Amino acid sequence: MLLKNHIEPLINRTVKPFDRSKAAILLIDMQESFMSGHKEGAIDTIIKNQIRILKDCAEYDIPVFKIEWYDKGNTLKELQTELNEVPRVFSIIKYRNSAFASSALVKALNLLNTKHLVLVGVNTQYCIKDTAESALRRDIEIVTGIDLVSGKWKHDYQEGIDWCRKYFSFFGNTDTVRELLKTS
């Protein structure tokens, strides 16, 4: 597949209607090594909200890709407990910021005919952003909520959030993302 060199801002492209049957969740870098240095209370908030999304995945059989940086340990126990209830969970180890650097992710998303990704996790300014760019280059729509992602270093985090607002097909909060998952 030929990749686009440039991705268009949201205002310059047509967004595909959200279809839950063609959606997947990417749970990115939710490992203990990445939990320090965030705004106070941010990690507790995103974990609580990610658990709500994972419960929806269990109810609606939405596949979840657990993305872990290769040398940073396992996904947090409270999230792993919820993942155990989801019918389709795929584990991907990554060696670069973008989860799409893994051919296993690309192949699995193609097999599932994935057209929409809900990104949740940490390192918004790097790993979330780079993964989103890779998805958009493959014509996959991106969704997240401001309370489903976090990043370190206020300036870099804000830069990542501003980028998400500009390029994601849907950027809301946990409740609006859950509504999208339920009603599509």
N, C-alpha and C. Protein backbone atom coordinates (compact mmCIF):
# COMPACT_ATOMS: atom_id res chain seq x y z
N MET A 1 0.84 -1.18 0.00
CA MET A 1 0.00 0.00 0.00
C MET A 1 0.88 1.24 0.00
N LEU A 2 0.63 2.12 -0.90
CA LEU A 2 1.36 3.38 -0.98
C LEU A 2 0.86 4.32 0.11
N LEU A 3 1.76 4.83 0.90
CA LEU A 3 1.36 5.72 1.99
C LEU A 3 1.43 7.17 1.53
N LYS A 4 0.51 7.95 2.08
CA LYS A 4 0.52 9.38 1.80
C LYS A 4 1.72 10.01 2.50
N ASN A 5 2.35 10.96 1.85
CA ASN A 5 3.45 11.67 2.49
C ASN A 5 2.95 12.75 3.42
N HIS A 6 1.76 13.22 3.16
CA HIS A 6 1.21 14.33 3.92
C HIS A 6 -0.21 13.97 4.35
N ILE A 7 -0.57 14.26 5.59
CA ILE A 7 -1.94 14.03 6.02
C ILE A 7 -2.68 15.35 6.06
N GLU A 8 -3.92 15.30 5.69
CA GLU A 8 -4.74 16.51 5.62
C GLU A 8 -5.37 16.80 6.98
N PRO A 9 -5.41 18.07 7.38
CA PRO A 9 -6.15 18.41 8.59
C PRO A 9 -7.63 18.04 8.41
N LEU A 10 -8.29 17.84 9.50
CA LEU A 10 -9.69 17.43 9.50
C LEU A 10 -10.57 18.31 8.63
N ILE A 11 -10.33 19.60 8.64
CA ILE A 11 -11.20 20.51 7.87
C ILE A 11 -11.04 20.33 6.37
N ASN A 12 -9.97 19.64 5.94
CA ASN A 12 -9.73 19.46 4.51
C ASN A 12 -10.08 18.06 4.01
N ARG A 13 -10.69 17.23 4.82
CA ARG A 13 -10.99 15.87 4.37
C ARG A 13 -12.37 15.43 4.82
N THR A 14 -12.87 14.43 4.15
CA THR A 14 -14.17 13.87 4.48
C THR A 14 -13.98 12.75 5.49
N VAL A 15 -14.73 12.79 6.56
CA VAL A 15 -14.64 11.78 7.61
C VAL A 15 -15.68 10.70 7.35
N LYS A 16 -15.24 9.45 7.42
CA LYS A 16 -16.16 8.32 7.25
C LYS A 16 -17.06 8.23 8.49
N PRO A 17 -18.35 7.90 8.31
CA PRO A 17 -19.21 7.69 9.48
C PRO A 17 -18.65 6.56 10.34
N PHE A 18 -18.72 6.72 11.64
CA PHE A 18 -18.18 5.73 12.57
C PHE A 18 -19.00 4.46 12.51
N ASP A 19 -18.33 3.33 12.40
CA ASP A 19 -18.96 2.01 12.32
C ASP A 19 -18.28 1.11 13.34
N ARG A 20 -18.99 0.80 14.42
CA ARG A 20 -18.42 0.00 15.51
C ARG A 20 -17.90 -1.34 15.01
N SER A 21 -18.53 -1.93 14.02
CA SER A 21 -18.10 -3.24 13.52
C SER A 21 -16.75 -3.16 12.80
N LYS A 22 -16.31 -1.95 12.50
CA LYS A 22 -15.01 -1.77 11.84
C LYS A 22 -14.07 -0.96 12.73
N ALA A 23 -14.31 -1.03 14.02
CA ALA A 23 -13.51 -0.25 14.98
C ALA A 23 -12.65 -1.17 15.84
N ALA A 24 -11.59 -0.60 16.36
CA ALA A 24 -10.74 -1.28 17.33
C ALA A 24 -10.18 -0.22 18.28
N ILE A 25 -9.76 -0.68 19.44
CA ILE A 25 -9.15 0.18 20.45
C ILE A 25 -7.66 -0.12 20.49
N LEU A 26 -6.84 0.92 20.54
CA LEU A 26 -5.42 0.76 20.79
C LEU A 26 -5.12 1.33 22.17
N LEU A 27 -4.73 0.46 23.09
CA LEU A 27 -4.35 0.82 24.45
C LEU A 27 -2.82 0.94 24.44
N ILE A 28 -2.32 2.17 24.48
CA ILE A 28 -0.92 2.44 24.17
C ILE A 28 -0.10 2.82 25.40
N ASP A 29 0.95 2.04 25.66
CA ASP A 29 1.98 2.34 26.65
C ASP A 29 1.48 2.49 28.09
N MET A 30 0.43 1.78 28.43
CA MET A 30 -0.08 1.87 29.80
C MET A 30 0.70 0.94 30.72
N GLN A 31 2.00 1.21 30.82
CA GLN A 31 2.94 0.44 31.60
C GLN A 31 3.49 1.29 32.74
N GLU A 32 3.82 0.65 33.84
CA GLU A 32 4.26 1.36 35.04
C GLU A 32 5.39 2.35 34.75
N SER A 33 6.30 2.00 33.89
CA SER A 33 7.45 2.86 33.59
C SER A 33 7.04 4.22 33.03
N PHE A 34 5.85 4.31 32.46
CA PHE A 34 5.39 5.56 31.85
C PHE A 34 4.42 6.35 32.73
N MET A 35 4.23 5.94 33.96
CA MET A 35 3.19 6.55 34.79
C MET A 35 3.65 7.76 35.59
N SER A 36 4.93 8.04 35.66
CA SER A 36 5.39 9.20 36.44
C SER A 36 5.51 10.43 35.55
N GLY A 37 5.48 11.59 36.18
CA GLY A 37 5.71 12.85 35.48
C GLY A 37 4.50 13.48 34.82
N HIS A 38 3.32 12.92 35.05
CA HIS A 38 2.10 13.48 34.48
C HIS A 38 1.47 14.48 35.45
N LYS A 39 0.59 15.29 34.95
CA LYS A 39 -0.16 16.22 35.78
C LYS A 39 -0.83 15.43 36.91
N GLU A 40 -0.84 16.03 38.09
CA GLU A 40 -1.40 15.33 39.26
C GLU A 40 -2.84 14.89 38.99
N GLY A 41 -3.09 13.63 39.24
CA GLY A 41 -4.43 13.07 39.06
C GLY A 41 -4.74 12.58 37.66
N ALA A 42 -3.89 12.94 36.68
CA ALA A 42 -4.18 12.59 35.28
C ALA A 42 -4.20 11.08 35.07
N ILE A 43 -3.23 10.38 35.62
CA ILE A 43 -3.15 8.93 35.40
C ILE A 43 -4.34 8.23 36.02
N ASP A 44 -4.72 8.60 37.25
CA ASP A 44 -5.90 7.98 37.88
C ASP A 44 -7.14 8.21 37.03
N THR A 45 -7.28 9.40 36.48
CA THR A 45 -8.44 9.73 35.65
C THR A 45 -8.46 8.91 34.38
N ILE A 46 -7.32 8.85 33.67
CA ILE A 46 -7.37 8.11 32.41
C ILE A 46 -7.53 6.61 32.63
N ILE A 47 -6.97 6.08 33.71
CA ILE A 47 -7.16 4.63 33.98
C ILE A 47 -8.64 4.36 34.24
N LYS A 48 -9.27 5.16 35.06
CA LYS A 48 -10.70 4.99 35.35
C LYS A 48 -11.51 5.05 34.05
N ASN A 49 -11.20 5.99 33.20
CA ASN A 49 -11.95 6.14 31.95
C ASN A 49 -11.62 5.04 30.95
N GLN A 50 -10.38 4.62 30.91
CA GLN A 50 -10.02 3.51 30.03
C GLN A 50 -10.73 2.22 30.45
N ILE A 51 -10.89 2.01 31.74
CA ILE A 51 -11.64 0.85 32.22
C ILE A 51 -13.08 0.91 31.72
N ARG A 52 -13.68 2.08 31.72
CA ARG A 52 -15.05 2.22 31.20
C ARG A 52 -15.10 1.85 29.71
N ILE A 53 -14.11 2.28 28.94
CA ILE A 53 -14.05 1.93 27.52
C ILE A 53 -13.85 0.42 27.35
N LEU A 54 -12.97 -0.17 28.15
CA LEU A 54 -12.73 -1.62 28.05
C LEU A 54 -13.99 -2.42 28.40
N LYS A 55 -14.78 -1.95 29.35
CA LYS A 55 -16.06 -2.61 29.66
C LYS A 55 -16.99 -2.57 28.44
N ASP A 56 -16.99 -1.45 27.72
CA ASP A 56 -17.78 -1.36 26.49
C ASP A 56 -17.25 -2.33 25.44
N CYS A 57 -15.95 -2.47 25.36
CA CYS A 57 -15.36 -3.42 24.41
C CYS A 57 -15.80 -4.85 24.72
N ALA A 58 -15.86 -5.17 26.00
CA ALA A 58 -16.33 -6.50 26.40
C ALA A 58 -17.80 -6.68 26.01
N GLU A 59 -18.61 -5.68 26.26
CA GLU A 59 -20.04 -5.77 25.96
C GLU A 59 -20.33 -5.83 24.46
N TYR A 60 -19.62 -5.05 23.68
CA TYR A 60 -19.91 -4.93 22.24
C TYR A 60 -18.93 -5.71 21.36
N ASP A 61 -18.06 -6.50 21.97
CA ASP A 61 -17.08 -7.30 21.25
C ASP A 61 -16.23 -6.45 20.30
N ILE A 62 -15.70 -5.37 20.83
CA ILE A 62 -14.80 -4.51 20.07
C ILE A 62 -13.37 -4.96 20.36
N PRO A 63 -12.60 -5.27 19.32
CA PRO A 63 -11.23 -5.74 19.56
C PRO A 63 -10.34 -4.66 20.19
N VAL A 64 -9.45 -5.11 21.05
CA VAL A 64 -8.50 -4.22 21.73
C VAL A 64 -7.09 -4.70 21.42
N PHE A 65 -6.25 -3.76 21.04
CA PHE A 65 -4.83 -4.03 20.84
C PHE A 65 -4.08 -3.41 22.01
N LYS A 66 -3.46 -4.26 22.80
CA LYS A 66 -2.65 -3.82 23.93
C LYS A 66 -1.24 -3.59 23.38
N ILE A 67 -0.84 -2.32 23.31
CA ILE A 67 0.45 -1.94 22.73
C ILE A 67 1.42 -1.64 23.87
N GLU A 68 2.52 -2.37 23.89
CA GLU A 68 3.51 -2.18 24.95
C GLU A 68 4.89 -1.90 24.35
N TRP A 69 5.57 -0.91 24.96
CA TRP A 69 6.96 -0.63 24.59
C TRP A 69 7.80 -1.81 25.06
N TYR A 70 8.71 -2.27 24.23
CA TYR A 70 9.39 -3.54 24.40
C TYR A 70 10.11 -3.76 25.74
N ASP A 71 10.63 -2.74 26.35
CA ASP A 71 11.43 -2.98 27.56
C ASP A 71 10.88 -2.23 28.79
N LYS A 72 9.58 -1.94 28.79
CA LYS A 72 9.01 -1.14 29.88
C LYS A 72 8.04 -1.92 30.77
N GLY A 73 8.02 -3.23 30.66
CA GLY A 73 7.17 -4.03 31.54
C GLY A 73 5.78 -4.25 30.97
N ASN A 74 4.92 -4.77 31.84
CA ASN A 74 3.56 -5.15 31.43
C ASN A 74 2.56 -4.01 31.61
N THR A 75 1.45 -4.14 30.92
CA THR A 75 0.34 -3.21 31.10
C THR A 75 -0.12 -3.26 32.56
N LEU A 76 -0.56 -2.13 33.08
CA LEU A 76 -0.99 -2.03 34.47
C LEU A 76 -2.00 -3.11 34.83
N LYS A 77 -1.89 -3.63 36.05
CA LYS A 77 -2.73 -4.75 36.49
C LYS A 77 -4.22 -4.45 36.42
N GLU A 78 -4.63 -3.24 36.82
CA GLU A 78 -6.06 -2.93 36.81
C GLU A 78 -6.63 -2.91 35.40
N LEU A 79 -5.81 -2.53 34.42
CA LEU A 79 -6.25 -2.58 33.03
C LEU A 79 -6.21 -4.01 32.50
N GLN A 80 -5.19 -4.76 32.88
CA GLN A 80 -5.09 -6.15 32.46
C GLN A 80 -6.29 -6.95 32.97
N THR A 81 -6.73 -6.67 34.19
CA THR A 81 -7.91 -7.35 34.74
C THR A 81 -9.12 -7.11 33.84
N GLU A 82 -9.31 -5.89 33.38
CA GLU A 82 -10.43 -5.59 32.46
C GLU A 82 -10.22 -6.22 31.09
N LEU A 83 -8.98 -6.24 30.62
CA LEU A 83 -8.70 -6.85 29.33
C LEU A 83 -9.05 -8.34 29.32
N ASN A 84 -8.94 -8.98 30.48
CA ASN A 84 -9.28 -10.40 30.58
C ASN A 84 -10.74 -10.67 30.28
N GLU A 85 -11.58 -9.64 30.35
CA GLU A 85 -13.02 -9.78 30.08
C GLU A 85 -13.38 -9.49 28.62
N VAL A 86 -12.44 -8.94 27.87
CA VAL A 86 -12.69 -8.57 26.47
C VAL A 86 -12.46 -9.81 25.59
N PRO A 87 -13.43 -10.15 24.73
CA PRO A 87 -13.30 -11.36 23.91
C PRO A 87 -12.10 -11.37 22.96
N ARG A 88 -11.77 -10.21 22.38
CA ARG A 88 -10.68 -10.18 21.40
C ARG A 88 -9.64 -9.15 21.82
N VAL A 89 -8.54 -9.66 22.39
CA VAL A 89 -7.41 -8.82 22.80
C VAL A 89 -6.17 -9.32 22.08
N PHE A 90 -5.45 -8.39 21.49
CA PHE A 90 -4.23 -8.70 20.77
C PHE A 90 -3.08 -7.94 21.43
N SER A 91 -1.98 -8.61 21.69
CA SER A 91 -0.81 -7.98 22.30
C SER A 91 0.22 -7.68 21.24
N ILE A 92 0.67 -6.44 21.23
CA ILE A 92 1.68 -5.99 20.27
C ILE A 92 2.82 -5.35 21.05
N ILE A 93 4.03 -5.81 20.78
CA ILE A 93 5.23 -5.20 21.35
C ILE A 93 5.78 -4.24 20.30
N LYS A 94 6.12 -3.02 20.75
CA LYS A 94 6.64 -2.07 19.77
C LYS A 94 8.05 -1.62 20.16
N TYR A 95 8.78 -1.23 19.13
CA TYR A 95 10.15 -0.79 19.29
C TYR A 95 10.33 0.66 18.84
N ARG A 96 9.26 1.26 18.36
CA ARG A 96 9.27 2.65 17.90
C ARG A 96 8.03 3.34 18.44
N ASN A 97 7.98 4.67 18.32
CA ASN A 97 6.84 5.41 18.83
C ASN A 97 5.53 4.95 18.20
N SER A 98 5.50 4.79 16.89
CA SER A 98 4.27 4.38 16.22
C SER A 98 4.03 2.89 16.38
N ALA A 99 2.84 2.53 16.82
CA ALA A 99 2.48 1.12 16.92
C ALA A 99 2.44 0.47 15.54
N PHE A 100 2.28 1.29 14.49
CA PHE A 100 2.24 0.77 13.12
C PHE A 100 3.60 0.30 12.63
N ALA A 101 4.66 0.54 13.39
CA ALA A 101 5.96 -0.02 13.02
C ALA A 101 5.93 -1.54 13.13
N SER A 102 4.94 -2.08 13.84
CA SER A 102 4.77 -3.53 13.96
C SER A 102 3.94 -4.04 12.79
N SER A 103 4.53 -4.92 12.01
CA SER A 103 3.78 -5.50 10.89
C SER A 103 2.62 -6.36 11.41
N ALA A 104 2.75 -6.90 12.62
CA ALA A 104 1.66 -7.70 13.19
C ALA A 104 0.41 -6.85 13.39
N LEU A 105 0.57 -5.60 13.84
CA LEU A 105 -0.58 -4.71 14.00
C LEU A 105 -1.21 -4.42 12.64
N VAL A 106 -0.40 -4.08 11.67
CA VAL A 106 -0.91 -3.75 10.34
C VAL A 106 -1.70 -4.93 9.77
N LYS A 107 -1.15 -6.12 9.86
CA LYS A 107 -1.81 -7.32 9.33
C LYS A 107 -3.13 -7.57 10.05
N ALA A 108 -3.12 -7.48 11.37
CA ALA A 108 -4.34 -7.73 12.15
C ALA A 108 -5.43 -6.72 11.83
N LEU A 109 -5.07 -5.45 11.75
CA LEU A 109 -6.06 -4.42 11.42
C LEU A 109 -6.64 -4.65 10.03
N ASN A 110 -5.79 -5.06 9.09
CA ASN A 110 -6.28 -5.36 7.74
C ASN A 110 -7.24 -6.56 7.76
N LEU A 111 -6.89 -7.60 8.49
CA LEU A 111 -7.75 -8.79 8.58
C LEU A 111 -9.11 -8.45 9.20
N LEU A 112 -9.10 -7.53 10.15
CA LEU A 112 -10.35 -7.12 10.81
C LEU A 112 -11.10 -6.06 10.01
N ASN A 113 -10.51 -5.61 8.90
CA ASN A 113 -11.11 -4.55 8.07
C ASN A 113 -11.38 -3.29 8.91
N THR A 114 -10.40 -2.93 9.71
CA THR A 114 -10.53 -1.79 10.63
C THR A 114 -10.49 -0.48 9.87
N LYS A 115 -11.49 0.36 10.12
CA LYS A 115 -11.58 1.69 9.50
C LYS A 115 -11.54 2.81 10.53
N HIS A 116 -11.70 2.44 11.83
CA HIS A 116 -11.74 3.43 12.92
C HIS A 116 -10.92 2.90 14.10
N LEU A 117 -10.07 3.74 14.64
CA LEU A 117 -9.31 3.39 15.83
C LEU A 117 -9.61 4.39 16.94
N VAL A 118 -9.85 3.86 18.12
CA VAL A 118 -9.95 4.68 19.32
C VAL A 118 -8.61 4.54 20.03
N LEU A 119 -7.88 5.64 20.14
CA LEU A 119 -6.57 5.62 20.79
C LEU A 119 -6.71 6.07 22.23
N VAL A 120 -6.19 5.25 23.14
CA VAL A 120 -6.16 5.59 24.56
C VAL A 120 -4.76 5.24 25.07
N GLY A 121 -4.25 6.03 26.01
CA GLY A 121 -2.94 5.71 26.54
C GLY A 121 -2.17 6.93 26.97
N VAL A 122 -0.86 6.76 27.04
CA VAL A 122 0.02 7.85 27.47
C VAL A 122 1.02 8.17 26.37
N ASN A 123 1.77 9.21 26.64
CA ASN A 123 2.78 9.71 25.71
C ASN A 123 2.11 10.31 24.47
N THR A 124 1.09 11.13 24.73
CA THR A 124 0.29 11.75 23.67
C THR A 124 1.17 12.45 22.65
N GLN A 125 2.16 13.18 23.11
CA GLN A 125 2.97 14.00 22.22
C GLN A 125 3.91 13.18 21.34
N TYR A 126 4.07 11.91 21.63
CA TYR A 126 4.98 11.07 20.84
C TYR A 126 4.25 9.83 20.31
N CYS A 127 4.01 8.88 21.16
CA CYS A 127 3.48 7.58 20.71
C CYS A 127 2.05 7.66 20.19
N ILE A 128 1.18 8.39 20.86
CA ILE A 128 -0.20 8.54 20.37
C ILE A 128 -0.18 9.30 19.05
N LYS A 129 0.53 10.40 19.01
CA LYS A 129 0.59 11.22 17.79
C LYS A 129 1.19 10.44 16.63
N ASP A 130 2.31 9.77 16.84
CA ASP A 130 2.96 9.03 15.75
C ASP A 130 2.10 7.87 15.27
N THR A 131 1.42 7.20 16.19
CA THR A 131 0.51 6.12 15.80
C THR A 131 -0.66 6.68 15.00
N ALA A 132 -1.20 7.80 15.44
CA ALA A 132 -2.31 8.43 14.72
C ALA A 132 -1.89 8.84 13.32
N GLU A 133 -0.71 9.44 13.19
CA GLU A 133 -0.22 9.82 11.86
C GLU A 133 -0.15 8.61 10.94
N SER A 134 0.38 7.51 11.45
CA SER A 134 0.50 6.29 10.65
C SER A 134 -0.88 5.76 10.24
N ALA A 135 -1.83 5.82 11.15
CA ALA A 135 -3.19 5.36 10.84
C ALA A 135 -3.83 6.25 9.77
N LEU A 136 -3.70 7.55 9.93
CA LEU A 136 -4.29 8.47 8.97
C LEU A 136 -3.69 8.29 7.57
N ARG A 137 -2.43 7.98 7.51
CA ARG A 137 -1.79 7.71 6.21
C ARG A 137 -2.36 6.45 5.56
N ARG A 138 -2.99 5.60 6.36
CA ARG A 138 -3.62 4.38 5.85
C ARG A 138 -5.14 4.55 5.73
N ASP A 139 -5.61 5.79 5.80
CA ASP A 139 -7.03 6.11 5.69
C ASP A 139 -7.88 5.47 6.79
N ILE A 140 -7.30 5.36 7.98
CA ILE A 140 -8.05 4.89 9.16
C ILE A 140 -8.38 6.13 9.98
N GLU A 141 -9.66 6.28 10.32
CA GLU A 141 -10.11 7.42 11.12
C GLU A 141 -9.71 7.22 12.58
N ILE A 142 -9.41 8.31 13.26
CA ILE A 142 -8.93 8.28 14.64
C ILE A 142 -9.90 9.00 15.56
N VAL A 143 -10.14 8.37 16.72
CA VAL A 143 -11.03 8.89 17.74
C VAL A 143 -10.31 8.82 19.08
N THR A 144 -10.52 9.81 19.93
CA THR A 144 -10.07 9.73 21.32
C THR A 144 -10.85 10.73 22.15
N GLY A 145 -10.58 10.71 23.44
CA GLY A 145 -11.13 11.68 24.37
C GLY A 145 -9.99 12.31 25.14
N ILE A 146 -10.15 13.57 25.48
CA ILE A 146 -9.09 14.28 26.18
C ILE A 146 -8.78 13.64 27.53
N ASP A 147 -9.75 12.93 28.11
CA ASP A 147 -9.55 12.28 29.39
C ASP A 147 -9.28 10.78 29.24
N LEU A 148 -8.83 10.38 28.04
CA LEU A 148 -8.41 8.99 27.78
C LEU A 148 -6.92 8.91 27.46
N VAL A 149 -6.28 10.08 27.34
CA VAL A 149 -4.85 10.14 27.01
C VAL A 149 -4.16 11.11 27.96
N SER A 150 -2.85 10.93 28.10
CA SER A 150 -2.07 11.84 28.93
C SER A 150 -0.65 11.89 28.38
N GLY A 151 0.04 12.92 28.76
CA GLY A 151 1.44 13.06 28.35
C GLY A 151 2.22 13.80 29.41
N LYS A 152 3.51 13.62 29.36
CA LYS A 152 4.40 14.31 30.30
C LYS A 152 4.75 15.68 29.73
N TRP A 153 5.32 16.50 30.54
CA TRP A 153 5.84 17.81 30.13
C TRP A 153 4.75 18.65 29.48
N LYS A 154 4.24 19.57 30.23
CA LYS A 154 3.06 20.35 29.85
C LYS A 154 3.10 20.88 28.42
N HIS A 155 4.21 21.48 28.00
CA HIS A 155 4.27 22.07 26.66
C HIS A 155 4.11 20.99 25.58
N ASP A 156 4.86 19.88 25.71
CA ASP A 156 4.79 18.80 24.72
C ASP A 156 3.41 18.17 24.72
N TYR A 157 2.83 17.98 25.91
CA TYR A 157 1.50 17.39 26.00
C TYR A 157 0.48 18.28 25.29
N GLN A 158 0.52 19.58 25.56
CA GLN A 158 -0.43 20.50 24.93
C GLN A 158 -0.26 20.50 23.41
N GLU A 159 0.98 20.43 22.97
CA GLU A 159 1.24 20.35 21.53
C GLU A 159 0.60 19.08 20.94
N GLY A 160 0.71 17.97 21.66
CA GLY A 160 0.09 16.72 21.22
C GLY A 160 -1.43 16.82 21.18
N ILE A 161 -2.03 17.44 22.19
CA ILE A 161 -3.48 17.61 22.25
C ILE A 161 -3.95 18.51 21.11
N ASP A 162 -3.23 19.60 20.87
CA ASP A 162 -3.59 20.50 19.77
C ASP A 162 -3.54 19.77 18.43
N TRP A 163 -2.54 18.92 18.26
CA TRP A 163 -2.43 18.14 17.03
C TRP A 163 -3.63 17.19 16.90
N CYS A 164 -3.98 16.53 17.99
CA CYS A 164 -5.14 15.62 17.98
C CYS A 164 -6.41 16.35 17.57
N ARG A 165 -6.63 17.52 18.14
CA ARG A 165 -7.83 18.30 17.80
C ARG A 165 -7.87 18.64 16.31
N LYS A 166 -6.71 18.85 15.73
CA LYS A 166 -6.64 19.25 14.32
C LYS A 166 -6.86 18.08 13.37
N TYR A 167 -6.41 16.88 13.73
CA TYR A 167 -6.39 15.77 12.78
C TYR A 167 -7.36 14.62 13.09
N PHE A 168 -7.73 14.44 14.35
CA PHE A 168 -8.59 13.30 14.68
C PHE A 168 -10.00 13.53 14.14
N SER A 169 -10.65 12.48 13.68
CA SER A 169 -12.01 12.63 13.17
C SER A 169 -12.99 12.89 14.31
N PHE A 170 -12.63 12.49 15.53
CA PHE A 170 -13.47 12.78 16.67
C PHE A 170 -12.57 12.95 17.89
N PHE A 171 -12.70 14.08 18.56
CA PHE A 171 -11.91 14.35 19.75
C PHE A 171 -12.86 14.92 20.79
N GLY A 172 -13.28 14.07 21.71
CA GLY A 172 -14.25 14.48 22.71
C GLY A 172 -13.76 14.17 24.11
N ASN A 173 -14.63 13.47 24.85
CA ASN A 173 -14.25 12.99 26.18
C ASN A 173 -14.76 11.55 26.31
N THR A 174 -14.52 10.93 27.45
CA THR A 174 -14.89 9.53 27.62
C THR A 174 -16.36 9.29 27.33
N ASP A 175 -17.22 10.14 27.86
CA ASP A 175 -18.66 9.93 27.66
C ASP A 175 -19.06 10.02 26.20
N THR A 176 -18.50 10.96 25.46
CA THR A 176 -18.86 11.09 24.05
C THR A 176 -18.27 9.95 23.22
N VAL A 177 -17.07 9.47 23.57
CA VAL A 177 -16.50 8.32 22.88
C VAL A 177 -17.35 7.07 23.17
N ARG A 178 -17.76 6.89 24.41
CA ARG A 178 -18.60 5.73 24.75
C ARG A 178 -19.92 5.79 24.01
N GLU A 179 -20.49 6.96 23.88
CA GLU A 179 -21.74 7.11 23.14
C GLU A 179 -21.54 6.72 21.67
N LEU A 180 -20.43 7.12 21.12
CA LEU A 180 -20.10 6.75 19.74
C LEU A 180 -19.99 5.24 19.61
N LEU A 181 -19.35 4.56 20.57
CA LEU A 181 -19.22 3.11 20.53
C LEU A 181 -20.56 2.41 20.68
N LYS A 182 -21.44 2.97 21.48
CA LYS A 182 -22.73 2.33 21.76
C LYS A 182 -23.73 2.51 20.62
N THR A 183 -23.72 3.65 19.97
CA THR A 183 -24.80 3.97 19.04
C THR A 183 -24.48 3.71 17.57
N SER A 184 -23.26 3.32 17.29
CA SER A 184 -22.93 3.11 15.87
C SER A 184 -23.29 1.71 15.40
